[in-house]
């Protein structure tokens, strides 16, 4: 049975495998800040083709080109950006007599805690570590009982505990 909010028209009970597609918002933000719009479009295409388990997809270059409106060479370059930032890993699998690319969406797409330093470099800096004086983004900061701390060296940061978004690292 489908539950629809009669005021907004929003479908309230979308389940995975239905119309659900987990858009990786932290990765999306990094790609926008890096001005890598081709890579952003490719990531959205790959996510829209995720299987029921939500870990991998294998659209062809032709499918990616059709859905993103990008050329094959632009797709190759965009996939390289996604690989370098740690958002996607690509493996070749044999399907029948042909080899196809299988794209695995990495946890770094969904969590700044898992992002590479290169990817974190595109996120806005919100605090400084008082121990090592490093400018920090939210993905490099954890919260404790009395203060926020730098994951890198364990030092206390300038971000007040009250300003730290405790619900998730998506709130950047």
Foldseek 3Di string as FASTA:
>chain_A
DWDADPVPRDTDDDDQVGQDFDQLLLLLQLCVLVVLVLLNLLSVVFSNQADSVRFKGFDALVSSCVRSVDDSVSNVVSVVVCVVFPQWDWDWDDDPNDITIMITGDCVSRALLPTDPVSQVSADFDKAFPPPRHGGDLSQWDDDDAAIAGVPPGGGIPDGPVPRDPPGRSPD
